[in-house]
Every structure is written in C-alpha cells, then in structure tokens.
C-alpha cells in the first residue's frame, strides 16, 4: 500500500506555510511520494465543531497514512490511534509546504 501524506496548509499552493492548527487549518495538501503528485483540498470542517476528528475521518477515506501538522488536541490523538494513522508534529512556524515535501522525498 502506498503512503499518502496529508499536510495542514495555510494557503492553496506548495509555497504556502504549514498551518500549525490541524482541525482549523485552511487547506490540506495530499502528497504521494510514489507518484510525486500533490492535491490541495480545502478543509471542509474548519468552521465546525470537532473539526479535527471530522478531518481525520475524511483524510482516512482519502487514503492518507500520515498526517503532518503543528498540533492536535486529545480527541484527534485518540481518533488517529483508532484509525491507525501516523502523526508527525512539526514545530517550525515558517516552513513552506514545498520544503516539507522535499524532506519527504529524501
């Protein structure tokens, strides 16, 4: 099974910065190292209750295996565990999505 990464993004391009807030992030960048393809999706749950948990369920259906973001709450942590999704926390505020993708290629 191929790995698909979901990266929380503040904008709609690979030049956008990582959004440290998972559930309330503006967009999610899906990246497949196998194909090199990226797909940028708007976060449909950013203005809802339990947005992070809903986003985890949505990303699981999209085939995501690893989530890269700045922080998650306890409910999201439990949901990630339940769905067996890997979580990578980055605490670098001004890192661009394209830089994260470059790291994943190595």
N, C-alpha and C. Protein backbone atom coordinates (compact mmCIF):
# COMPACT_ATOMS: atom_id res chain seq x y z
N UNK A 1 0.84 -1.19 0.00
CA UNK A 1 0.00 0.00 0.00
C UNK A 1 0.88 1.25 0.00
N UNK A 2 0.56 2.18 -0.85
CA UNK A 2 1.38 3.38 -0.96
C UNK A 2 1.05 4.37 0.15
N UNK A 3 2.05 5.12 0.53
CA UNK A 3 1.88 6.13 1.57
C UNK A 3 1.34 7.41 0.96
N UNK A 4 0.38 8.01 1.63
CA UNK A 4 -0.09 9.34 1.25
C UNK A 4 0.01 10.21 2.49
N UNK A 5 0.66 11.35 2.33
CA UNK A 5 0.83 12.30 3.42
C UNK A 5 -0.20 13.40 3.30
N UNK A 6 -0.74 13.83 4.43
CA UNK A 6 -1.63 14.99 4.48
C UNK A 6 -0.92 16.06 5.31
N UNK A 7 -0.75 17.24 4.73
CA UNK A 7 -0.02 18.33 5.39
C UNK A 7 -0.98 19.50 5.57
N UNK A 8 -1.14 19.97 6.81
CA UNK A 8 -2.04 21.11 7.04
C UNK A 8 -1.38 22.38 6.50
N UNK A 9 -2.14 23.12 5.70
CA UNK A 9 -1.57 24.27 4.98
C UNK A 9 -2.40 25.54 5.21
N UNK A 10 -1.69 26.66 5.30
CA UNK A 10 -2.35 27.95 5.49
C UNK A 10 -2.84 28.53 4.16
N UNK A 11 -2.37 27.99 3.04
CA UNK A 11 -2.76 28.53 1.74
C UNK A 11 -3.05 27.46 0.71
N UNK A 12 -3.21 27.89 -0.52
CA UNK A 12 -3.65 26.99 -1.58
C UNK A 12 -2.53 26.57 -2.55
N UNK A 13 -1.26 26.81 -2.18
CA UNK A 13 -0.17 26.40 -3.06
C UNK A 13 0.92 25.71 -2.24
N UNK A 14 1.87 25.12 -2.93
CA UNK A 14 3.00 24.48 -2.25
C UNK A 14 3.94 25.52 -1.64
N UNK A 15 3.79 26.78 -2.04
CA UNK A 15 4.61 27.86 -1.46
C UNK A 15 4.00 28.38 -0.16
N UNK A 16 2.82 27.89 0.20
CA UNK A 16 2.14 28.29 1.43
C UNK A 16 2.88 27.70 2.63
N UNK A 17 2.61 28.28 3.79
CA UNK A 17 3.23 27.80 5.02
C UNK A 17 2.39 26.71 5.68
N UNK A 18 3.08 25.88 6.46
CA UNK A 18 2.41 24.88 7.29
C UNK A 18 1.45 25.60 8.24
N UNK A 19 0.23 25.13 8.33
CA UNK A 19 -0.73 25.66 9.31
C UNK A 19 -0.58 24.80 10.56
N UNK A 20 -0.20 25.42 11.66
CA UNK A 20 0.06 24.66 12.88
C UNK A 20 -1.21 24.08 13.50
N UNK A 21 -2.37 24.62 13.12
CA UNK A 21 -3.64 24.14 13.68
C UNK A 21 -4.21 23.07 12.76
N UNK A 22 -4.35 21.87 13.25
CA UNK A 22 -4.81 20.78 12.37
C UNK A 22 -6.29 20.93 12.00
N UNK A 23 -7.17 20.87 12.96
CA UNK A 23 -8.60 20.89 12.67
C UNK A 23 -9.09 22.17 12.04
N UNK A 24 -8.45 23.28 12.36
CA UNK A 24 -8.88 24.59 11.86
C UNK A 24 -8.04 25.09 10.69
N UNK A 25 -7.17 24.22 10.16
CA UNK A 25 -6.32 24.65 9.03
C UNK A 25 -7.19 25.02 7.83
N UNK A 26 -6.68 25.91 7.00
CA UNK A 26 -7.43 26.36 5.82
C UNK A 26 -7.52 25.27 4.75
N UNK A 27 -6.39 24.61 4.51
CA UNK A 27 -6.30 23.62 3.43
C UNK A 27 -5.46 22.44 3.89
N UNK A 28 -5.58 21.36 3.13
CA UNK A 28 -4.77 20.17 3.37
C UNK A 28 -4.12 19.79 2.04
N UNK A 29 -2.80 19.61 2.07
CA UNK A 29 -2.07 19.18 0.88
C UNK A 29 -1.84 17.67 0.99
N UNK A 30 -2.35 16.93 0.01
CA UNK A 30 -2.10 15.50 -0.05
C UNK A 30 -0.91 15.28 -0.97
N UNK A 31 0.03 14.48 -0.50
CA UNK A 31 1.24 14.22 -1.28
C UNK A 31 1.54 12.72 -1.32
N UNK A 32 1.74 12.21 -2.51
CA UNK A 32 2.11 10.81 -2.69
C UNK A 32 3.55 10.73 -3.20
N UNK A 33 4.48 10.21 -2.38
CA UNK A 33 5.87 10.09 -2.82
C UNK A 33 6.02 9.11 -3.99
N UNK A 34 5.13 8.14 -4.06
CA UNK A 34 5.17 7.13 -5.11
C UNK A 34 4.96 7.75 -6.50
N UNK A 35 3.98 8.66 -6.59
CA UNK A 35 3.65 9.27 -7.88
C UNK A 35 4.23 10.68 -8.02
N UNK A 36 4.60 11.29 -6.87
CA UNK A 36 5.07 12.67 -6.89
C UNK A 36 3.94 13.68 -7.03
N UNK A 37 2.71 13.20 -6.99
CA UNK A 37 1.54 14.07 -7.17
C UNK A 37 1.14 14.75 -5.87
N UNK A 38 0.71 16.01 -5.99
CA UNK A 38 0.13 16.72 -4.86
C UNK A 38 -1.29 17.13 -5.24
N UNK A 39 -2.14 17.20 -4.23
CA UNK A 39 -3.52 17.60 -4.42
C UNK A 39 -3.87 18.50 -3.23
N UNK A 40 -4.36 19.69 -3.49
CA UNK A 40 -4.66 20.62 -2.41
C UNK A 40 -6.18 20.70 -2.25
N UNK A 41 -6.62 20.36 -1.05
CA UNK A 41 -8.05 20.36 -0.74
C UNK A 41 -8.36 21.42 0.31
N UNK A 42 -9.49 22.07 0.17
CA UNK A 42 -9.93 23.00 1.21
C UNK A 42 -10.45 22.16 2.37
N UNK A 43 -10.19 22.60 3.59
CA UNK A 43 -10.66 21.88 4.77
C UNK A 43 -12.17 22.15 4.93
N UNK A 44 -13.01 21.16 4.65
CA UNK A 44 -14.45 21.38 4.73
C UNK A 44 -14.98 21.49 6.16
N UNK A 45 -14.14 21.18 7.14
CA UNK A 45 -14.59 21.14 8.54
C UNK A 45 -14.04 22.27 9.40
N UNK A 46 -13.29 23.21 8.78
CA UNK A 46 -12.57 24.22 9.57
C UNK A 46 -13.48 25.08 10.46
N UNK A 47 -14.74 25.22 10.08
CA UNK A 47 -15.66 26.05 10.87
C UNK A 47 -16.71 25.24 11.61
N UNK A 48 -16.43 23.95 11.84
CA UNK A 48 -17.40 23.10 12.51
C UNK A 48 -16.89 22.66 13.88
N UNK A 49 -17.80 22.11 14.68
CA UNK A 49 -17.39 21.54 15.96
C UNK A 49 -16.65 20.24 15.71
N UNK A 50 -15.68 19.94 16.55
CA UNK A 50 -14.88 18.72 16.42
C UNK A 50 -14.28 18.60 15.01
N UNK A 51 -13.82 19.73 14.51
CA UNK A 51 -13.29 19.79 13.15
C UNK A 51 -12.13 18.82 12.93
N UNK A 52 -11.27 18.68 13.92
CA UNK A 52 -10.11 17.80 13.79
C UNK A 52 -10.50 16.34 13.63
N UNK A 53 -11.45 15.89 14.44
CA UNK A 53 -11.91 14.49 14.37
C UNK A 53 -12.56 14.23 13.01
N UNK A 54 -13.39 15.18 12.57
CA UNK A 54 -14.03 15.02 11.26
C UNK A 54 -13.00 15.01 10.14
N UNK A 55 -11.97 15.85 10.26
CA UNK A 55 -10.92 15.90 9.24
C UNK A 55 -10.13 14.59 9.20
N UNK A 56 -9.86 14.00 10.36
CA UNK A 56 -9.16 12.70 10.41
C UNK A 56 -9.97 11.66 9.63
N UNK A 57 -11.28 11.60 9.89
CA UNK A 57 -12.14 10.61 9.21
C UNK A 57 -12.15 10.84 7.71
N UNK A 58 -12.22 12.10 7.30
CA UNK A 58 -12.21 12.47 5.88
C UNK A 58 -10.90 12.04 5.22
N UNK A 59 -9.77 12.34 5.88
CA UNK A 59 -8.46 12.01 5.32
C UNK A 59 -8.26 10.50 5.24
N UNK A 60 -8.78 9.77 6.21
CA UNK A 60 -8.69 8.30 6.19
C UNK A 60 -9.37 7.77 4.93
N UNK A 61 -10.55 8.32 4.60
CA UNK A 61 -11.28 7.91 3.40
C UNK A 61 -10.51 8.26 2.12
N UNK A 62 -9.68 9.32 2.20
CA UNK A 62 -8.87 9.73 1.04
C UNK A 62 -7.62 8.86 0.89
N UNK A 63 -7.41 7.93 1.82
CA UNK A 63 -6.27 7.02 1.73
C UNK A 63 -5.01 7.51 2.40
N UNK A 64 -5.12 8.55 3.22
CA UNK A 64 -3.97 9.12 3.92
C UNK A 64 -3.45 8.15 4.97
N UNK A 65 -2.12 8.04 5.07
CA UNK A 65 -1.50 7.17 6.07
C UNK A 65 -0.76 7.98 7.14
N UNK A 66 -0.35 9.21 6.81
CA UNK A 66 0.43 10.04 7.73
C UNK A 66 -0.06 11.48 7.66
N UNK A 67 -0.23 12.09 8.83
CA UNK A 67 -0.65 13.49 8.91
C UNK A 67 0.51 14.30 9.46
N UNK A 68 0.82 15.42 8.78
CA UNK A 68 1.89 16.32 9.22
C UNK A 68 1.25 17.66 9.55
N UNK A 69 1.44 18.10 10.79
CA UNK A 69 0.83 19.34 11.25
C UNK A 69 1.62 19.89 12.43
N UNK A 70 1.12 20.96 13.04
CA UNK A 70 1.80 21.57 14.17
C UNK A 70 1.33 21.06 15.52
N UNK A 71 0.00 20.90 15.66
CA UNK A 71 -0.53 20.41 16.93
C UNK A 71 -1.91 19.82 16.73
N UNK A 72 -2.24 18.87 17.62
CA UNK A 72 -3.58 18.27 17.63
C UNK A 72 -4.05 18.19 19.06
N UNK A 73 -5.36 18.17 19.23
CA UNK A 73 -5.94 18.03 20.56
C UNK A 73 -6.08 16.57 20.96
N UNK A 74 -6.52 16.33 22.20
CA UNK A 74 -6.64 14.95 22.70
C UNK A 74 -7.66 14.11 21.94
N UNK A 75 -8.75 14.72 21.48
CA UNK A 75 -9.75 13.95 20.73
C UNK A 75 -9.18 13.48 19.38
N UNK A 76 -8.40 14.35 18.75
CA UNK A 76 -7.79 14.00 17.46
C UNK A 76 -6.74 12.90 17.69
N UNK A 77 -5.97 13.01 18.75
CA UNK A 77 -4.97 11.98 19.07
C UNK A 77 -5.62 10.61 19.20
N UNK A 78 -6.74 10.55 19.92
CA UNK A 78 -7.46 9.28 20.09
C UNK A 78 -7.97 8.76 18.75
N UNK A 79 -8.49 9.66 17.92
CA UNK A 79 -9.03 9.26 16.62
C UNK A 79 -7.92 8.74 15.71
N UNK A 80 -6.76 9.39 15.75
CA UNK A 80 -5.62 8.93 14.94
C UNK A 80 -5.19 7.53 15.36
N UNK A 81 -5.18 7.30 16.68
CA UNK A 81 -4.82 5.99 17.21
C UNK A 81 -5.83 4.94 16.74
N UNK A 82 -7.10 5.29 16.86
CA UNK A 82 -8.19 4.38 16.47
C UNK A 82 -8.09 4.02 14.98
N UNK A 83 -7.80 5.01 14.15
CA UNK A 83 -7.72 4.81 12.70
C UNK A 83 -6.35 4.31 12.24
N UNK A 84 -5.43 4.18 13.19
CA UNK A 84 -4.05 3.73 12.91
C UNK A 84 -3.34 4.62 11.88
N UNK A 85 -3.47 5.93 12.07
CA UNK A 85 -2.78 6.89 11.22
C UNK A 85 -1.57 7.44 11.97
N UNK A 86 -0.48 7.64 11.25
CA UNK A 86 0.74 8.17 11.85
C UNK A 86 0.62 9.69 11.93
N UNK A 87 1.17 10.26 13.00
CA UNK A 87 1.16 11.71 13.19
C UNK A 87 2.60 12.20 13.30
N UNK A 88 2.92 13.25 12.52
CA UNK A 88 4.23 13.90 12.59
C UNK A 88 3.97 15.35 12.96
N UNK A 89 4.49 15.77 14.10
CA UNK A 89 4.31 17.16 14.55
C UNK A 89 5.56 17.96 14.21
N UNK A 90 5.35 19.07 13.51
CA UNK A 90 6.45 19.98 13.19
C UNK A 90 6.19 21.28 13.95
N UNK A 91 7.18 21.76 14.64
CA UNK A 91 7.01 22.99 15.40
C UNK A 91 7.76 24.14 14.75
N UNK A 92 7.91 24.07 13.45
CA UNK A 92 8.58 25.13 12.71
C UNK A 92 7.51 26.03 12.12
N UNK A 93 7.43 27.25 12.63
CA UNK A 93 6.33 28.12 12.22
C UNK A 93 6.37 28.55 10.77
N UNK A 94 7.52 28.90 10.27
CA UNK A 94 7.58 29.44 8.91
C UNK A 94 8.20 28.45 7.93
N UNK A 95 7.66 27.24 7.91
CA UNK A 95 8.16 26.26 6.95
C UNK A 95 7.11 26.12 5.83
N UNK A 96 7.61 26.13 4.60
CA UNK A 96 6.70 26.05 3.45
C UNK A 96 6.39 24.58 3.14
N UNK A 97 5.23 24.38 2.56
CA UNK A 97 4.79 23.04 2.18
C UNK A 97 5.81 22.39 1.25
N UNK A 98 6.35 23.17 0.31
CA UNK A 98 7.33 22.60 -0.64
C UNK A 98 8.58 22.10 0.08
N UNK A 99 8.96 22.74 1.20
CA UNK A 99 10.14 22.30 1.97
C UNK A 99 9.84 20.96 2.65
N UNK A 100 8.62 20.82 3.16
CA UNK A 100 8.23 19.57 3.80
C UNK A 100 8.23 18.43 2.77
N UNK A 101 7.70 18.71 1.58
CA UNK A 101 7.67 17.70 0.52
C UNK A 101 9.09 17.31 0.12
N UNK A 102 10.00 18.28 0.06
CA UNK A 102 11.41 17.97 -0.27
C UNK A 102 12.00 17.02 0.77
N UNK A 103 11.67 17.27 2.05
CA UNK A 103 12.17 16.37 3.12
C UNK A 103 11.62 14.97 2.94
N UNK A 104 10.36 14.87 2.55
CA UNK A 104 9.74 13.55 2.38
C UNK A 104 10.34 12.77 1.22
N UNK A 105 10.89 13.48 0.24
CA UNK A 105 11.50 12.83 -0.92
C UNK A 105 12.83 12.18 -0.57
N UNK A 106 13.46 12.64 0.50
CA UNK A 106 14.80 12.14 0.86
C UNK A 106 14.71 10.85 1.66
